[in-house]
Amino acid sequence: MDKQQIYNKIRDALIEDFELKPEKVVPEARLYEDLNLDSIDAVDLIVKLKSFIPRNIDPEVFKSMRTLQDVVDGIYDLAQGTSEDK
């Protein structure tokens, strides 16, 4: 899976499951400030992401991700089997 496919899946999940406006869900969007995700939303998103990546996402690693692009890059790295501590 390439980064564009990962981005599309995450974007679709944010729009459908979190009822965000499509124009707000852009790579540079900050998860907590721009998209108004809270800690419960973050857990829900992690659960959703598990369905299309082969490895678990460490919640501590996820907390360090600030933008949608950070999440895409982190998921891509996990899917490729590279560094988990992004």
C-alpha atoms as a PDB file:
ATOM      1  CA  MET A   1       0.000   0.000   0.000  1.00  0.00           C
ATOM      2  CA  ASP A   2       1.430   3.380  -0.950  1.00  0.00           C
ATOM      3  CA  LYS A   3       1.090   6.658   0.930  1.00  0.00           C
ATOM      4  CA  GLN A   4      -1.717   7.924  -1.302  1.00  0.00           C
ATOM      5  CA  GLN A   5      -3.792   4.810  -0.619  1.00  0.00           C
ATOM      6  CA  ILE A   6      -3.164   5.143   3.118  1.00  0.00           C
ATOM      7  CA  TYR A   7      -4.109   8.823   3.010  1.00  0.00           C
ATOM      8  CA  ASN A   8      -7.313   8.023   1.112  1.00  0.00           C
ATOM      9  CA  LYS A   9      -8.344   5.355   3.651  1.00  0.00           C
ATOM     10  CA  ILE A  10      -7.652   7.610   6.630  1.00  0.00           C
ATOM     11  CA  ARG A  11      -9.353  10.564   4.955  1.00  0.00           C
ATOM     12  CA  ASP A  12     -12.433   8.469   4.159  1.00  0.00           C
ATOM     13  CA  ALA A  13     -12.568   7.216   7.762  1.00  0.00           C
ATOM     14  CA  LEU A  14     -12.308  10.735   9.158  1.00  0.00           C
ATOM     15  CA  ILE A  15     -15.050  12.013   6.862  1.00  0.00           C
ATOM     16  CA  GLU A  16     -17.414   9.063   7.293  1.00  0.00           C
ATOM     17  CA  ASP A  17     -16.822   7.927  10.880  1.00  0.00           C
ATOM     18  CA  PHE A  18     -15.985  11.261  12.476  1.00  0.00           C
ATOM     19  CA  GLU A  19     -18.313  13.326  10.273  1.00  0.00           C
ATOM     20  CA  LEU A  20     -15.637  15.843   9.348  1.00  0.00           C
ATOM     21  CA  LYS A  21     -16.046  18.191   6.407  1.00  0.00           C
ATOM     22  CA  PRO A  22     -13.956  16.967   3.445  1.00  0.00           C
ATOM     23  CA  GLU A  23     -12.312  20.364   2.973  1.00  0.00           C
ATOM     24  CA  LYS A  24     -10.894  20.175   6.518  1.00  0.00           C
ATOM     25  CA  VAL A  25      -9.283  16.761   5.993  1.00  0.00           C
ATOM     26  CA  VAL A  26      -6.022  17.711   4.291  1.00  0.00           C
ATOM     27  CA  PRO A  27      -2.473  16.400   4.855  1.00  0.00           C
ATOM     28  CA  GLU A  28      -1.378  19.441   6.871  1.00  0.00           C
ATOM     29  CA  ALA A  29      -4.449  19.348   9.146  1.00  0.00           C
ATOM     30  CA  ARG A  30      -3.490  19.104  12.813  1.00  0.00           C
ATOM     31  CA  LEU A  31      -5.359  16.224  14.438  1.00  0.00           C
ATOM     32  CA  TYR A  32      -6.316  17.889  17.690  1.00  0.00           C
ATOM     33  CA  GLU A  33      -6.462  21.566  16.753  1.00  0.00           C
ATOM     34  CA  ASP A  34      -7.845  21.542  13.195  1.00  0.00           C
ATOM     35  CA  LEU A  35      -9.834  18.311  13.197  1.00  0.00           C
ATOM     36  CA  ASN A  36     -10.914  18.571  16.857  1.00  0.00           C
ATOM     37  CA  LEU A  37     -10.075  14.960  17.645  1.00  0.00           C
ATOM     38  CA  ASP A  38      -9.932  14.098  21.320  1.00  0.00           C
ATOM     39  CA  SER A  39      -8.288  11.134  23.036  1.00  0.00           C
ATOM     40  CA  ILE A  40     -11.364   8.920  22.525  1.00  0.00           C
ATOM     41  CA  ASP A  41     -11.419   9.817  18.825  1.00  0.00           C
ATOM     42  CA  ALA A  42      -7.716   8.989  18.596  1.00  0.00           C
ATOM     43  CA  VAL A  43      -8.349   5.521  20.049  1.00  0.00           C
ATOM     44  CA  ASP A  44     -11.242   5.002  17.640  1.00  0.00           C
ATOM     45  CA  LEU A  45      -9.012   6.032  14.735  1.00  0.00           C
ATOM     46  CA  ILE A  46      -6.265   3.632  15.854  1.00  0.00           C
ATOM     47  CA  VAL A  47      -8.809   0.799  15.927  1.00  0.00           C
ATOM     48  CA  LYS A  48      -9.972   1.747  12.445  1.00  0.00           C
ATOM     49  CA  LEU A  49      -6.388   1.870  11.145  1.00  0.00           C
ATOM     50  CA  LYS A  50      -5.629  -1.615  12.501  1.00  0.00           C
ATOM     51  CA  SER A  51      -7.968  -3.033   9.884  1.00  0.00           C
ATOM     52  CA  PHE A  52      -5.551  -2.254   7.060  1.00  0.00           C
ATOM     53  CA  ILE A  53      -2.054  -2.484   8.524  1.00  0.00           C
ATOM     54  CA  PRO A  54      -0.274  -5.652   9.573  1.00  0.00           C
ATOM     55  CA  ARG A  55       1.095  -4.384  12.901  1.00  0.00           C
ATOM     56  CA  ASN A  56      -0.216  -2.723  16.021  1.00  0.00           C
ATOM     57  CA  ILE A  57       0.116   1.003  16.434  1.00  0.00           C
ATOM     58  CA  ASP A  58       1.775   1.983  19.686  1.00  0.00           C
ATOM     59  CA  PRO A  59      -0.489   4.605  21.327  1.00  0.00           C
ATOM     60  CA  GLU A  60       2.605   6.500  22.502  1.00  0.00           C
ATOM     61  CA  VAL A  61       3.847   6.725  18.914  1.00  0.00           C
ATOM     62  CA  PHE A  62       0.406   7.843  17.774  1.00  0.00           C
ATOM     63  CA  LYS A  63       0.373  10.607  20.406  1.00  0.00           C
ATOM     64  CA  SER A  64       3.521  12.057  18.834  1.00  0.00           C
ATOM     65  CA  MET A  65       1.773  12.391  15.464  1.00  0.00           C
ATOM     66  CA  ARG A  66       0.467  15.916  15.062  1.00  0.00           C
ATOM     67  CA  THR A  67      -0.833  16.136  11.488  1.00  0.00           C
ATOM     68  CA  LEU A  68      -2.700  13.870   9.132  1.00  0.00           C
ATOM     69  CA  GLN A  69       0.504  13.566   7.093  1.00  0.00           C
ATOM     70  CA  ASP A  70       2.349  12.372  10.228  1.00  0.00           C
ATOM     71  CA  VAL A  71      -0.230   9.596  10.556  1.00  0.00           C
ATOM     72  CA  VAL A  72       0.102   8.651   6.886  1.00  0.00           C
ATOM     73  CA  ASP A  73       3.901   8.537   7.163  1.00  0.00           C
ATOM     74  CA  GLY A  74       3.765   6.525  10.391  1.00  0.00           C
ATOM     75  CA  ILE A  75       1.292   3.994   8.997  1.00  0.00           C
ATOM     76  CA  TYR A  76       3.364   3.682   5.838  1.00  0.00           C
ATOM     77  CA  ASP A  77       6.474   2.973   7.914  1.00  0.00           C
ATOM     78  CA  LEU A  78       4.606   0.339   9.940  1.00  0.00           C
ATOM     79  CA  ALA A  79       3.243  -1.280   6.786  1.00  0.00           C
ATOM     80  CA  GLN A  80       6.760  -1.386   5.331  1.00  0.00           C
ATOM     81  CA  GLY A  81       8.138  -2.842   8.557  1.00  0.00           C
ATOM     82  CA  THR A  82      10.436   0.118   9.182  1.00  0.00           C
ATOM     83  CA  SER A  83      10.902   2.296  12.244  1.00  0.00           C
ATOM     84  CA  GLU A  84       8.042   2.444  14.719  1.00  0.00           C
ATOM     85  CA  ASP A  85       9.337   5.417  16.639  1.00  0.00           C
ATOM     86  CA  LYS A  86       8.569   8.201  14.261  1.00  0.00           C
END
